[in-house]
Amino acid sequence: MTIWALFVNFIIILVLELLRKWVIVQLSVLIVLNVITILITVPKKVFKTAANRITVIGTELGFIIINVLFLVMYSLENSGSYQVRLGLSWSTVGANVAIILFQIVIKIVEFHRLRKEKKREERKQKQGSLKRTNDDSQIQLQKYNNFGTFKVDVEKKSSKIGKPFRLLN
């Protein structure tokens, strides 16, 4: 998937360089490519974990928001509304920071989920080994009890016969 992502990013850069003079077309193409990337990542078989899928989808949604902000800023370029464009540019910076924080939060949540799952597996294995140990000790006790029964049976038989019989321990 990494090679394909790099290849797609290379194509995006090439298309954007070819469309340098038409900003609206550039941003529209970027939005379409972001939507295509989201549609590609929706099937469950594309990524091994849901965290990676959520990260990609969230990042692409953030890029779509940024592209829409750029479109609005471009449309307001000649209007003379400097304060609005300044606010939109800071909104773009905020969207970029939100994308980065989103990715960090997803990685932290995934780390804790995997750690919790690993501890659960270790507990499960420990309980399984304790159960096997208990089963083994029960089997050993049964063998010991069977030996004790054998010993008593031998003593009873020897007393019936009338011959002294002595067991050595």
C-alpha atoms as a PDB file:
ATOM      1  CA  MET A   1       0.000   0.000   0.000  1.00  0.00           C
ATOM      2  CA  THR A   2       2.925   2.383   0.692  1.00  0.00           C
ATOM      3  CA  ILE A   3       4.278   2.096  -2.854  1.00  0.00           C
ATOM      4  CA  TRP A   4       0.842   2.821  -4.267  1.00  0.00           C
ATOM      5  CA  ALA A   5       0.415   5.827  -1.984  1.00  0.00           C
ATOM      6  CA  LEU A   6       3.746   7.236  -3.145  1.00  0.00           C
ATOM      7  CA  PHE A   7       2.833   6.564  -6.777  1.00  0.00           C
ATOM      8  CA  VAL A   8      -0.542   8.286  -6.393  1.00  0.00           C
ATOM      9  CA  ASN A   9       1.112  11.253  -4.659  1.00  0.00           C
ATOM     10  CA  PHE A  10       3.575  11.520  -7.546  1.00  0.00           C
ATOM     11  CA  ILE A  11       0.695  11.574 -10.034  1.00  0.00           C
ATOM     12  CA  ILE A  12      -1.054  14.243  -7.956  1.00  0.00           C
ATOM     13  CA  ILE A  13       2.047  16.440  -8.005  1.00  0.00           C
ATOM     14  CA  LEU A  14       2.395  15.966 -11.761  1.00  0.00           C
ATOM     15  CA  VAL A  15      -1.252  16.875 -12.382  1.00  0.00           C
ATOM     16  CA  LEU A  16      -1.001  19.907 -10.128  1.00  0.00           C
ATOM     17  CA  GLU A  17       2.098  21.159 -11.936  1.00  0.00           C
ATOM     18  CA  LEU A  18       0.308  20.787 -15.249  1.00  0.00           C
ATOM     19  CA  LEU A  19      -2.708  22.686 -13.871  1.00  0.00           C
ATOM     20  CA  ARG A  20      -0.665  25.455 -12.213  1.00  0.00           C
ATOM     21  CA  LYS A  21      -2.556  28.288 -13.878  1.00  0.00           C
ATOM     22  CA  TRP A  22      -6.048  26.990 -13.007  1.00  0.00           C
ATOM     23  CA  VAL A  23      -6.306  26.983  -9.235  1.00  0.00           C
ATOM     24  CA  ILE A  24      -9.972  25.994  -9.102  1.00  0.00           C
ATOM     25  CA  VAL A  25      -9.297  22.981 -11.332  1.00  0.00           C
ATOM     26  CA  GLN A  26      -6.292  22.019  -9.198  1.00  0.00           C
ATOM     27  CA  LEU A  27      -8.272  22.098  -5.981  1.00  0.00           C
ATOM     28  CA  SER A  28     -11.214  20.308  -7.570  1.00  0.00           C
ATOM     29  CA  VAL A  29      -8.888  17.551  -8.792  1.00  0.00           C
ATOM     30  CA  LEU A  30      -7.399  17.272  -5.300  1.00  0.00           C
ATOM     31  CA  ILE A  31     -10.840  16.951  -3.751  1.00  0.00           C
ATOM     32  CA  VAL A  32     -11.800  14.245  -6.252  1.00  0.00           C
ATOM     33  CA  LEU A  33      -8.557  12.356  -5.567  1.00  0.00           C
ATOM     34  CA  ASN A  34      -9.158  12.592  -1.812  1.00  0.00           C
ATOM     35  CA  VAL A  35     -12.668  11.205  -2.252  1.00  0.00           C
ATOM     36  CA  ILE A  36     -11.300   8.372  -4.429  1.00  0.00           C
ATOM     37  CA  THR A  37      -8.724   7.558  -1.742  1.00  0.00           C
ATOM     38  CA  ILE A  38     -11.481   7.407   0.884  1.00  0.00           C
ATOM     39  CA  LEU A  39     -13.547   5.109  -1.318  1.00  0.00           C
ATOM     40  CA  ILE A  40     -10.528   2.832  -1.851  1.00  0.00           C
ATOM     41  CA  THR A  41      -9.867   2.555   1.895  1.00  0.00           C
ATOM     42  CA  VAL A  42     -13.458   1.752   2.908  1.00  0.00           C
ATOM     43  CA  PRO A  43     -13.296  -2.038   2.187  1.00  0.00           C
ATOM     44  CA  LYS A  44     -12.074  -3.976   5.216  1.00  0.00           C
ATOM     45  CA  LYS A  45      -9.502  -6.011   3.294  1.00  0.00           C
ATOM     46  CA  VAL A  46      -7.396  -2.997   2.290  1.00  0.00           C
ATOM     47  CA  PHE A  47      -5.836  -2.463   5.742  1.00  0.00           C
ATOM     48  CA  LYS A  48      -5.041  -5.020   8.412  1.00  0.00           C
ATOM     49  CA  THR A  49      -6.318  -2.884  11.276  1.00  0.00           C
ATOM     50  CA  ALA A  50      -9.218  -0.527  11.630  1.00  0.00           C
ATOM     51  CA  ALA A  51      -6.906   2.102  13.136  1.00  0.00           C
ATOM     52  CA  ASN A  52      -5.005   2.471   9.851  1.00  0.00           C
ATOM     53  CA  ARG A  53      -8.254   2.780   7.917  1.00  0.00           C
ATOM     54  CA  ILE A  54      -9.577   5.398  10.337  1.00  0.00           C
ATOM     55  CA  THR A  55      -6.303   7.326  10.114  1.00  0.00           C
ATOM     56  CA  VAL A  56      -6.373   7.410   6.311  1.00  0.00           C
ATOM     57  CA  ILE A  57     -10.050   8.357   6.118  1.00  0.00           C
ATOM     58  CA  GLY A  58      -9.659  11.076   8.773  1.00  0.00           C
ATOM     59  CA  THR A  59      -6.584  12.492   7.068  1.00  0.00           C
ATOM     60  CA  GLU A  60      -8.281  12.575   3.676  1.00  0.00           C
ATOM     61  CA  LEU A  61     -11.345  14.290   5.177  1.00  0.00           C
ATOM     62  CA  GLY A  62      -8.999  16.869   6.701  1.00  0.00           C
ATOM     63  CA  PHE A  63      -7.418  17.439   3.291  1.00  0.00           C
ATOM     64  CA  ILE A  64     -10.850  17.900   1.742  1.00  0.00           C
ATOM     65  CA  ILE A  65     -11.645  20.550   4.366  1.00  0.00           C
ATOM     66  CA  ILE A  66      -8.345  22.295   3.643  1.00  0.00           C
ATOM     67  CA  ASN A  67      -9.019  22.239  -0.105  1.00  0.00           C
ATOM     68  CA  VAL A  68     -12.473  23.745   0.410  1.00  0.00           C
ATOM     69  CA  LEU A  69     -10.917  26.477   2.561  1.00  0.00           C
ATOM     70  CA  PHE A  70      -8.398  27.174  -0.212  1.00  0.00           C
ATOM     71  CA  LEU A  71     -11.231  27.399  -2.745  1.00  0.00           C
ATOM     72  CA  VAL A  72     -13.064  29.928  -0.591  1.00  0.00           C
ATOM     73  CA  MET A  73      -9.847  31.897  -0.043  1.00  0.00           C
ATOM     74  CA  TYR A  74      -9.184  31.959  -3.780  1.00  0.00           C
ATOM     75  CA  SER A  75     -12.696  33.178  -4.507  1.00  0.00           C
ATOM     76  CA  LEU A  76     -12.231  36.001  -1.962  1.00  0.00           C
ATOM     77  CA  GLU A  77      -8.813  36.996  -3.304  1.00  0.00           C
ATOM     78  CA  ASN A  78      -9.968  40.035  -5.271  1.00  0.00           C
ATOM     79  CA  SER A  79     -12.777  41.061  -2.931  1.00  0.00           C
ATOM     80  CA  GLY A  80     -10.596  43.078  -0.602  1.00  0.00           C
ATOM     81  CA  SER A  81     -11.779  41.268   2.520  1.00  0.00           C
ATOM     82  CA  TYR A  82      -8.384  40.804   4.115  1.00  0.00           C
ATOM     83  CA  GLN A  83      -9.701  39.859   7.561  1.00  0.00           C
ATOM     84  CA  VAL A  84     -11.822  37.006   6.198  1.00  0.00           C
ATOM     85  CA  ARG A  85      -8.937  35.614   4.165  1.00  0.00           C
ATOM     86  CA  LEU A  86      -6.656  35.877   7.201  1.00  0.00           C
ATOM     87  CA  GLY A  87      -9.194  33.965   9.282  1.00  0.00           C
ATOM     88  CA  LEU A  88      -9.472  31.294   6.570  1.00  0.00           C
ATOM     89  CA  SER A  89      -5.705  30.933   6.360  1.00  0.00           C
ATOM     90  CA  TRP A  90      -5.533  30.423  10.135  1.00  0.00           C
ATOM     91  CA  SER A  91      -8.382  27.920   9.813  1.00  0.00           C
ATOM     92  CA  THR A  92      -6.252  26.052   7.282  1.00  0.00           C
ATOM     93  CA  VAL A  93      -3.358  25.971   9.755  1.00  0.00           C
ATOM     94  CA  GLY A  94      -5.767  24.723  12.416  1.00  0.00           C
ATOM     95  CA  ALA A  95      -7.010  21.985  10.085  1.00  0.00           C
ATOM     96  CA  ASN A  96      -3.412  20.864   9.450  1.00  0.00           C
ATOM     97  CA  VAL A  97      -2.717  20.749  13.189  1.00  0.00           C
ATOM     98  CA  ALA A  98      -5.988  18.852  13.719  1.00  0.00           C
ATOM     99  CA  ILE A  99      -4.911  16.247  11.135  1.00  0.00           C
ATOM    100  CA  ILE A 100      -1.597  15.723  12.926  1.00  0.00           C
ATOM    101  CA  LEU A 101      -3.242  15.513  16.365  1.00  0.00           C
ATOM    102  CA  PHE A 102      -5.865  13.118  14.998  1.00  0.00           C
ATOM    103  CA  GLN A 103      -3.145  10.781  13.751  1.00  0.00           C
ATOM    104  CA  ILE A 104      -1.298  10.939  17.072  1.00  0.00           C
ATOM    105  CA  VAL A 105      -4.472  10.215  19.066  1.00  0.00           C
ATOM    106  CA  ILE A 106      -5.342   7.253  16.845  1.00  0.00           C
ATOM    107  CA  LYS A 107      -1.839   5.803  17.302  1.00  0.00           C
ATOM    108  CA  ILE A 108      -2.042   6.204  21.088  1.00  0.00           C
ATOM    109  CA  VAL A 109      -5.478   4.582  21.257  1.00  0.00           C
ATOM    110  CA  GLU A 110      -4.292   1.703  19.046  1.00  0.00           C
ATOM    111  CA  PHE A 111      -1.195   1.223  21.235  1.00  0.00           C
ATOM    112  CA  HIS A 112      -3.326   0.969  24.390  1.00  0.00           C
ATOM    113  CA  ARG A 113      -5.799  -1.366  22.674  1.00  0.00           C
ATOM    114  CA  LEU A 114      -2.999  -3.711  21.585  1.00  0.00           C
ATOM    115  CA  ARG A 115      -1.426  -3.597  25.039  1.00  0.00           C
ATOM    116  CA  LYS A 116      -4.749  -4.449  26.691  1.00  0.00           C
ATOM    117  CA  GLU A 117      -5.311  -7.287  24.208  1.00  0.00           C
ATOM    118  CA  LYS A 118      -1.828  -8.661  24.893  1.00  0.00           C
ATOM    119  CA  LYS A 119      -2.440  -8.623  28.659  1.00  0.00           C
ATOM    120  CA  ARG A 120      -5.766 -10.402  28.127  1.00  0.00           C
ATOM    121  CA  GLU A 121      -4.015 -13.091  26.067  1.00  0.00           C
ATOM    122  CA  GLU A 122      -1.339 -13.527  28.736  1.00  0.00           C
ATOM    123  CA  ARG A 123      -4.027 -13.887  31.428  1.00  0.00           C
ATOM    124  CA  LYS A 124      -5.866 -16.394  29.281  1.00  0.00           C
ATOM    125  CA  GLN A 125      -2.685 -18.434  28.739  1.00  0.00           C
ATOM    126  CA  LYS A 126      -1.860 -18.266  32.445  1.00  0.00           C
ATOM    127  CA  GLN A 127      -5.354 -19.502  33.365  1.00  0.00           C
ATOM    128  CA  GLY A 128      -5.035 -22.270  30.773  1.00  0.00           C
ATOM    129  CA  SER A 129      -1.697 -23.388  32.196  1.00  0.00           C
ATOM    130  CA  LEU A 130      -3.101 -23.303  35.756  1.00  0.00           C
ATOM    131  CA  LYS A 131      -6.053 -25.394  34.626  1.00  0.00           C
ATOM    132  CA  ARG A 132      -3.691 -27.889  32.968  1.00  0.00           C
ATOM    133  CA  THR A 133      -1.603 -27.993  36.152  1.00  0.00           C
ATOM    134  CA  ASN A 134      -4.728 -28.637  38.244  1.00  0.00           C
ATOM    135  CA  ASP A 135      -5.835 -31.361  35.838  1.00  0.00           C
ATOM    136  CA  ASP A 136      -2.393 -32.965  35.997  1.00  0.00           C
ATOM    137  CA  SER A 137      -2.417 -32.892  39.806  1.00  0.00           C
ATOM    138  CA  GLN A 138      -5.923 -34.447  39.809  1.00  0.00           C
ATOM    139  CA  ILE A 139      -4.635 -37.237  37.559  1.00  0.00           C
ATOM    140  CA  GLN A 140      -1.673 -37.790  39.885  1.00  0.00           C
ATOM    141  CA  LEU A 141      -3.992 -37.936  42.899  1.00  0.00           C
ATOM    142  CA  GLN A 142      -6.176 -40.474  41.125  1.00  0.00           C
ATOM    143  CA  LYS A 143      -3.108 -42.614  40.367  1.00  0.00           C
ATOM    144  CA  TYR A 144      -2.063 -42.395  44.003  1.00  0.00           C
ATOM    145  CA  ASN A 145      -5.548 -43.321  45.181  1.00  0.00           C
ATOM    146  CA  ASN A 146      -5.637 -46.251  42.763  1.00  0.00           C
ATOM    147  CA  PHE A 147      -2.302 -47.431  44.164  1.00  0.00           C
ATOM    148  CA  GLY A 148      -3.631 -47.119  47.716  1.00  0.00           C
ATOM    149  CA  THR A 149      -6.700 -49.162  46.734  1.00  0.00           C
ATOM    150  CA  PHE A 150      -4.439 -51.789  45.247  1.00  0.00           C
ATOM    151  CA  LYS A 151      -2.445 -51.912  48.455  1.00  0.00           C
ATOM    152  CA  VAL A 152      -5.574 -52.391  50.571  1.00  0.00           C
ATOM    153  CA  ASP A 153      -6.893 -55.065  48.197  1.00  0.00           C
ATOM    154  CA  VAL A 154      -3.628 -56.958  48.439  1.00  0.00           C
ATOM    155  CA  GLU A 155      -3.695 -56.799  52.227  1.00  0.00           C
ATOM    156  CA  LYS A 156      -7.318 -58.044  52.303  1.00  0.00           C
ATOM    157  CA  LYS A 157      -6.478 -60.906  49.982  1.00  0.00           C
ATOM    158  CA  SER A 158      -3.448 -61.853  52.020  1.00  0.00           C
ATOM    159  CA  SER A 159      -5.475 -61.877  55.221  1.00  0.00           C
ATOM    160  CA  LYS A 160      -8.105 -64.104  53.589  1.00  0.00           C
ATOM    161  CA  ILE A 161      -5.523 -66.546  52.467  1.00  0.00           C
ATOM    162  CA  GLY A 162      -4.064 -66.755  55.907  1.00  0.00           C
ATOM    163  CA  LYS A 163      -0.506 -66.178  54.862  1.00  0.00           C
ATOM    164  CA  PRO A 164       1.291 -63.242  56.280  1.00  0.00           C
ATOM    165  CA  PHE A 165       1.970 -60.755  53.520  1.00  0.00           C
ATOM    166  CA  ARG A 166       4.071 -57.729  54.001  1.00  0.00           C
ATOM    167  CA  LEU A 167       4.279 -54.751  51.643  1.00  0.00           C
ATOM    168  CA  LEU A 168       7.495 -52.830  51.475  1.00  0.00           C
ATOM    169  CA  ASN A 169       7.241 -49.100  50.975  1.00  0.00           C
END
